[in-house]
Amino acid sequence: MTGCHMKKLLTLAAVLAMSAPLTAFAADLPQPPPPMPRAPAFVPPPPFTWTGFYVGVNGGYSWNNWTDGLGDSFNANGGIAGGTIGFNYQWNWFVAGFEGDVDWAGNKFSQTQTDSEFGGTSVATLNYKNNVLSTFAARFGVAADHALFYGKAGGAWTQEKYTISGTDPNFGTLSASNSFDRLGWMVGAGVEYAFTNNLTAKIEYNYINFGSDNQTLTLNTSTLGPLTGTITSKPTMNVVKVGLNWLFNGS
């Protein structure tokens, strides 16, 4: 081996000997902390919207005032309970749509009348009932985020039922059972609040007017057979109800 090669080898060995302590010293130095994870970008939730179809249940109480052309009147009050379906569309703060409901109705009235007649005493009991109540209306209102203040206007349908039973000295036993469908108009107002994007609750008032209509009643008697008579009636209703709705396609 020549002197030149020997000199190069000694120089390389010296360099390696000097770098080993430096490497060990660098390993003993404190390491820099790892970079902090970047916080995810904030994405605001979408604004709440009333747009969408909804279904629900409702219940409440109604006051039915019945009058006829002879000045007779009575109140048939009772509870209601049923289902609701509807649709909303929201433009900025304005909300419009339609709503329909069908309710069982428990409006009842009963009266027994006793009259003294030639040959004896007549006793008759009249029972009146609303079997069902339905409204179908346009709905429009102002949205304040999760609150909706609205009015509604449209039509209404109900079914009335009259039953009569009793005795009369001239007609014998009396019995009748007559049912009538009535159409009318309604207006109302209420407030609805969304507790979540889908679940809402409401309370509202409705005024319903079925107008004046002639109705033909058939009374069955044991001595003279069936007798018919016509009455003119005008029922109106005041309804207060609450409801829970499930809003589809809520934000």
Protein backbone atom coordinates (compact mmCIF):
# COMPACT_ATOMS: atom_id res chain seq x y z
CA MET A 1 0.00 0.00 0.00
CA THR A 2 1.46 3.32 -0.92
CA GLY A 3 1.89 6.13 1.53
CA CYS A 4 -0.74 8.17 -0.25
CA HIS A 5 -3.43 5.54 0.23
CA MET A 6 -2.43 5.07 3.83
CA LYS A 7 -2.78 8.78 4.46
CA LYS A 8 -6.34 8.81 3.00
CA LEU A 9 -7.40 5.89 5.18
CA LEU A 10 -6.12 7.55 8.34
CA THR A 11 -7.95 10.75 7.44
CA LEU A 12 -11.26 8.87 6.88
CA ALA A 13 -10.90 7.03 10.20
CA ALA A 14 -10.34 10.29 12.02
CA VAL A 15 -13.46 11.82 10.47
CA LEU A 16 -15.58 8.82 11.45
CA ALA A 17 -14.24 8.87 14.99
CA MET A 18 -15.15 12.53 15.38
CA SER A 19 -18.70 12.17 13.90
CA ALA A 20 -19.79 9.36 16.25
CA PRO A 21 -19.85 11.50 19.42
CA LEU A 22 -21.58 14.28 17.54
CA THR A 23 -24.36 11.90 16.41
CA ALA A 24 -24.87 10.60 19.95
CA PHE A 25 -24.96 14.17 21.27
CA ALA A 26 -27.58 15.17 18.69
CA ALA A 27 -29.74 12.20 19.69
CA ASP A 28 -29.68 13.41 23.30
CA LEU A 29 -30.96 16.87 22.40
CA PRO A 30 -34.74 17.54 22.98
CA GLN A 31 -36.72 16.97 19.83
CA PRO A 32 -39.04 19.70 18.50
CA PRO A 33 -42.75 19.08 19.26
CA PRO A 34 -44.85 17.61 16.47
CA PRO A 35 -46.88 20.14 14.51
CA MET A 36 -50.27 20.96 16.03
CA PRO A 37 -53.22 19.46 14.11
CA ARG A 38 -55.11 22.04 12.14
CA ALA A 39 -58.63 22.73 13.42
CA PRO A 40 -61.32 21.74 10.92
CA ALA A 41 -62.86 24.62 9.05
CA PHE A 42 -66.13 25.85 10.65
CA VAL A 43 -69.14 25.08 8.51
CA PRO A 44 -72.29 26.84 9.76
CA PRO A 45 -75.42 24.68 9.90
CA PRO A 46 -77.97 25.32 7.17
CA PRO A 47 -80.76 27.72 8.19
CA PHE A 48 -84.01 26.16 9.35
CA THR A 49 -86.76 26.05 6.74
CA TRP A 50 -90.48 25.33 6.96
CA THR A 51 -90.55 23.99 3.41
CA GLY A 52 -91.81 20.42 3.11
CA PHE A 53 -94.72 18.05 3.57
CA TYR A 54 -95.89 17.24 7.08
CA VAL A 55 -98.25 14.85 8.86
CA GLY A 56 -99.47 14.96 12.42
CA VAL A 57 -102.12 14.48 15.05
CA ASN A 58 -104.39 17.04 16.67
CA GLY A 59 -106.97 17.30 19.41
CA GLY A 60 -109.02 19.93 21.17
CA TYR A 61 -112.47 21.17 22.08
CA SER A 62 -115.29 22.74 20.07
CA TRP A 63 -118.38 24.76 20.89
CA ASN A 64 -121.25 24.20 18.47
CA ASN A 65 -124.13 26.69 18.43
CA TRP A 66 -127.23 25.41 16.62
CA THR A 67 -130.14 27.73 15.76
CA ASP A 68 -133.27 27.33 13.66
CA GLY A 69 -135.69 29.67 11.97
CA LEU A 70 -138.11 29.52 14.91
CA GLY A 71 -135.77 31.08 17.43
CA ASP A 72 -134.80 27.78 19.06
CA SER A 73 -131.14 27.21 19.83
CA PHE A 74 -128.84 24.95 21.79
CA ASN A 75 -125.12 24.37 22.31
CA ALA A 76 -123.53 21.02 21.42
CA ASN A 77 -120.03 21.01 22.90
CA GLY A 78 -117.39 18.29 22.93
CA GLY A 79 -113.88 17.17 22.15
CA ILE A 80 -112.27 16.46 18.79
CA ALA A 81 -109.29 14.28 17.83
CA GLY A 82 -107.81 13.23 14.50
CA GLY A 83 -105.04 13.56 11.95
CA THR A 84 -103.48 16.34 9.85
CA ILE A 85 -101.64 16.51 6.53
CA GLY A 86 -100.18 19.56 4.80
CA PHE A 87 -97.42 21.27 2.86
CA ASN A 88 -95.37 24.45 3.43
CA TYR A 89 -93.17 26.50 1.14
CA GLN A 90 -90.99 29.29 2.51
CA TRP A 91 -89.78 32.40 0.66
CA ASN A 92 -87.46 34.31 2.98
CA TRP A 93 -89.74 35.07 5.94
CA PHE A 94 -93.07 34.31 4.18
CA VAL A 95 -94.59 30.81 4.38
CA ALA A 96 -97.58 29.56 2.40
CA GLY A 97 -99.17 26.16 1.86
CA PHE A 98 -102.26 24.10 2.48
CA GLU A 99 -103.55 21.93 5.31
CA GLY A 100 -106.33 19.40 5.78
CA ASP A 101 -107.54 17.45 8.78
CA VAL A 102 -110.20 14.88 9.62
CA ASP A 103 -111.39 14.62 13.22
CA TRP A 104 -113.72 12.50 15.23
CA ALA A 105 -116.14 14.91 16.90
CA GLY A 106 -117.92 14.45 20.21
CA ASN A 107 -120.29 17.43 20.10
CA LYS A 108 -123.52 16.32 21.76
CA PHE A 109 -126.80 17.80 22.91
CA SER A 110 -129.76 16.05 24.52
CA GLN A 111 -133.14 17.48 25.56
CA THR A 112 -136.33 15.89 26.82
CA GLN A 113 -139.56 17.81 26.40
CA THR A 114 -142.89 17.03 28.08
CA ASP A 115 -146.18 18.51 26.81
CA SER A 116 -149.73 18.11 28.01
CA GLU A 117 -152.05 17.31 25.14
CA PHE A 118 -155.61 16.25 24.62
CA GLY A 119 -155.82 12.69 25.84
CA GLY A 120 -152.59 12.61 27.83
CA THR A 121 -148.97 13.70 27.99
CA SER A 122 -146.39 13.67 25.22
CA VAL A 123 -142.76 12.96 26.11
CA ALA A 124 -139.99 13.18 23.48
CA THR A 125 -136.19 13.17 23.73
CA LEU A 126 -134.01 14.78 21.07
CA ASN A 127 -130.35 13.77 20.74
CA TYR A 128 -128.05 15.75 18.45
CA LYS A 129 -124.44 14.85 17.60
CA ASN A 130 -121.64 15.84 15.24
CA ASN A 131 -120.01 12.61 14.16
CA VAL A 132 -117.05 14.01 12.24
CA LEU A 133 -115.42 17.37 11.46
CA SER A 134 -113.01 18.14 8.64
CA THR A 135 -111.36 21.36 7.46
CA PHE A 136 -109.32 22.04 4.32
CA ALA A 137 -107.65 25.41 4.05
CA ALA A 138 -104.86 27.54 2.63
CA ARG A 139 -102.30 28.52 5.27
CA PHE A 140 -100.03 31.56 5.17
CA GLY A 141 -97.80 33.20 7.74
CA VAL A 142 -94.61 34.84 8.91
CA ALA A 143 -91.61 32.75 9.99
CA ALA A 144 -89.27 33.93 12.72
CA ASP A 145 -86.65 31.17 12.59
CA HIS A 146 -88.23 28.21 14.45
CA ALA A 147 -91.53 30.04 15.12
CA LEU A 148 -94.35 30.41 12.60
CA PHE A 149 -97.29 32.79 13.06
CA TYR A 150 -100.03 31.95 10.57
CA GLY A 151 -103.60 32.42 9.45
CA LYS A 152 -105.78 30.06 7.43
CA ALA A 153 -108.97 30.19 5.40
CA GLY A 154 -110.94 27.56 3.52
CA GLY A 155 -113.82 25.12 3.80
CA ALA A 156 -115.28 22.73 6.36
CA TRP A 157 -117.42 19.61 6.39
CA THR A 158 -119.33 17.92 9.19
CA GLN A 159 -121.95 15.24 9.63
CA GLU A 160 -124.91 15.84 11.92
CA LYS A 161 -127.13 13.16 13.37
CA TYR A 162 -130.57 13.59 14.97
CA THR A 163 -132.31 10.84 16.94
CA ILE A 164 -135.77 11.19 18.50
CA SER A 165 -137.59 8.80 20.81
CA GLY A 166 -140.75 9.15 22.91
CA THR A 167 -144.49 8.61 23.22
CA ASP A 168 -147.52 10.67 22.28
CA PRO A 169 -151.21 10.04 23.09
CA ASN A 170 -152.19 10.70 19.46
CA PHE A 171 -149.19 9.35 17.52
CA GLY A 172 -148.20 6.45 19.77
CA THR A 173 -144.49 5.70 20.01
CA LEU A 174 -142.11 8.08 18.28
CA SER A 175 -138.69 7.31 16.74
CA ALA A 176 -136.39 8.98 14.25
CA SER A 177 -132.80 8.75 13.08
CA ASN A 178 -131.62 11.30 10.49
CA SER A 179 -128.08 12.16 9.33
CA PHE A 180 -127.03 15.15 7.22
CA ASP A 181 -123.78 16.33 5.64
CA ARG A 182 -123.01 20.02 5.94
CA LEU A 183 -120.48 22.16 4.04
CA GLY A 184 -119.35 25.57 5.23
CA TRP A 185 -116.43 27.97 5.44
CA MET A 186 -113.76 28.52 8.08
CA VAL A 187 -111.08 30.99 9.14
CA GLY A 188 -108.43 30.54 11.78
CA ALA A 189 -105.11 31.62 13.24
CA GLY A 190 -102.35 29.99 15.23
CA VAL A 191 -98.69 29.69 16.13
CA GLU A 192 -96.38 26.74 15.46
CA TYR A 193 -92.91 26.09 16.88
CA ALA A 194 -90.22 23.70 15.64
CA PHE A 195 -88.44 21.97 18.53
CA THR A 196 -86.18 20.13 16.07
CA ASN A 197 -85.74 20.27 12.31
CA ASN A 198 -88.65 17.84 12.00
CA LEU A 199 -90.85 17.90 15.13
CA THR A 200 -93.23 20.87 15.52
CA ALA A 201 -96.10 21.74 17.84
CA LYS A 202 -98.98 24.16 17.27
CA ILE A 203 -102.00 25.74 18.89
CA GLU A 204 -104.76 27.37 16.86
CA TYR A 205 -108.31 28.70 16.85
CA ASN A 206 -110.90 28.09 14.10
CA TYR A 207 -114.27 29.71 13.47
CA ILE A 208 -116.57 27.60 11.28
CA ASN A 209 -119.90 28.61 9.78
CA PHE A 210 -122.10 26.04 8.01
CA GLY A 211 -124.67 28.54 6.81
CA SER A 212 -128.44 28.18 6.76
CA ASP A 213 -129.89 25.00 5.29
CA ASN A 214 -133.25 23.22 5.10
CA GLN A 215 -133.35 19.69 6.45
CA THR A 216 -136.16 17.17 6.14
CA LEU A 217 -136.68 14.97 9.19
CA THR A 218 -138.64 11.73 9.09
CA LEU A 219 -140.47 10.77 12.29
CA ASN A 220 -141.84 7.25 12.60
CA THR A 221 -145.08 6.86 14.60
CA SER A 222 -146.85 3.67 15.59
CA THR A 223 -150.34 4.96 14.75
CA LEU A 224 -149.90 7.19 11.68
CA GLY A 225 -146.75 5.77 10.13
CA PRO A 226 -143.88 8.00 9.01
CA LEU A 227 -144.34 11.77 9.20
CA THR A 228 -141.98 14.30 7.62
CA GLY A 229 -141.16 17.85 8.53
CA THR A 230 -138.66 20.49 7.45
CA ILE A 231 -136.48 22.59 9.73
CA THR A 232 -134.07 25.39 8.88
CA SER A 233 -130.84 25.23 10.88
CA LYS A 234 -127.65 27.25 11.04
CA PRO A 235 -124.82 25.69 13.08
CA THR A 236 -121.57 27.48 13.85
CA MET A 237 -118.51 26.16 15.64
CA ASN A 238 -115.65 27.62 17.64
CA VAL A 239 -112.69 25.24 17.83
CA VAL A 240 -109.47 25.41 19.86
CA LYS A 241 -106.95 22.66 19.17
CA VAL A 242 -103.32 21.71 19.63
CA GLY A 243 -101.25 19.45 17.41
CA LEU A 244 -97.92 17.73 16.83
CA ASN A 245 -96.53 17.54 13.29
CA TRP A 246 -93.60 15.75 11.67
CA LEU A 247 -92.04 17.92 8.95
CA PHE A 248 -90.35 16.02 6.13
CA ASN A 249 -87.38 17.53 4.27
CA GLY A 250 -86.67 19.88 7.17
CA SER A 251 -83.17 21.38 7.13
